[in-house]
Amino acid sequence: MEDKKKKIVKEAKREGLKLLPPHINKSKLGFSIEEDGLRIGFQDVKGIGPIAAKNLLEGQPYKSY
């Protein structure tokens, strides 16, 4: 799975897309394309498991951290 993620990031950079950090209200489960780049998803953050990632997504939008 790590190889697949590395390929996605490498291809995005090759295409000139900026790699955007995870965002509590903008991130999805996996990578997502936005106007200004490729957003890292919750499941791609070390320490966040699939259940926590799904819970974060279901709670969007958040008003504060």
Protein backbone atom coordinates (compact mmCIF):
# COMPACT_ATOMS: atom_id res chain seq x y z
CA MET A 1 0.00 0.00 0.00
CA GLU A 2 2.86 2.40 0.77
CA ASP A 3 4.19 1.96 -2.77
CA LYS A 4 0.81 2.98 -4.18
CA LYS A 5 0.77 6.13 -2.03
CA LYS A 6 4.32 6.99 -3.08
CA LYS A 7 3.34 6.60 -6.74
CA ILE A 8 0.33 8.89 -6.27
CA VAL A 9 2.46 11.58 -4.61
CA LYS A 10 5.21 11.25 -7.24
CA GLU A 11 2.72 11.53 -10.10
CA ALA A 12 1.00 14.53 -8.52
CA LYS A 13 4.33 16.33 -8.16
CA ARG A 14 5.25 15.45 -11.74
CA GLU A 15 1.96 17.00 -12.88
CA GLY A 16 2.75 20.15 -10.92
CA LEU A 17 0.17 19.62 -8.19
CA LYS A 18 1.00 20.88 -4.72
CA LEU A 19 0.77 18.32 -1.90
CA LEU A 20 -1.65 19.75 0.65
CA PRO A 21 -1.60 18.69 4.33
CA PRO A 22 -4.55 16.98 6.01
CA HIS A 23 -7.31 19.41 6.98
CA ILE A 24 -10.04 18.69 9.52
CA ASN A 25 -12.82 19.99 7.23
CA LYS A 26 -11.39 19.41 3.75
CA SER A 27 -9.78 15.96 3.91
CA LYS A 28 -11.60 12.82 2.80
CA LEU A 29 -10.67 9.23 3.65
CA GLY A 30 -7.97 9.03 0.98
CA PHE A 31 -6.23 11.49 -1.32
CA SER A 32 -8.49 14.06 -2.99
CA ILE A 33 -7.96 16.60 -5.75
CA GLU A 34 -8.62 20.24 -4.91
CA GLU A 35 -8.19 23.44 -6.88
CA ASP A 36 -4.77 24.12 -5.42
CA GLY A 37 -3.41 20.57 -5.21
CA LEU A 38 -3.65 17.05 -3.87
CA ARG A 39 -5.03 16.84 -0.31
CA ILE A 40 -3.82 14.07 2.02
CA GLY A 41 -6.69 12.03 3.46
CA PHE A 42 -7.30 10.96 7.04
CA GLN A 43 -6.39 7.32 6.43
CA ASP A 44 -2.98 8.46 5.17
CA VAL A 45 -2.08 10.07 8.51
CA LYS A 46 0.10 7.86 10.67
CA GLY A 47 -1.74 6.86 13.83
CA ILE A 48 -5.26 7.34 12.46
CA GLY A 49 -6.92 4.01 11.82
CA PRO A 50 -9.85 3.29 9.49
CA ILE A 51 -12.52 3.68 12.18
CA ALA A 52 -11.13 7.00 13.44
CA ALA A 53 -10.77 8.25 9.85
CA LYS A 54 -14.41 7.40 9.12
CA ASN A 55 -15.54 9.10 12.36
CA LEU A 56 -13.59 12.25 11.47
CA LEU A 57 -15.19 12.33 8.04
CA GLU A 58 -18.69 11.82 9.44
CA GLY A 59 -18.23 14.72 11.87
CA GLN A 60 -17.44 17.28 9.18
CA PRO A 61 -17.76 20.22 9.19
CA TYR A 62 -16.13 21.01 12.50
CA LYS A 63 -16.49 24.49 14.00
CA SER A 64 -13.31 24.26 16.07
CA TYR A 65 -10.47 21.88 16.83
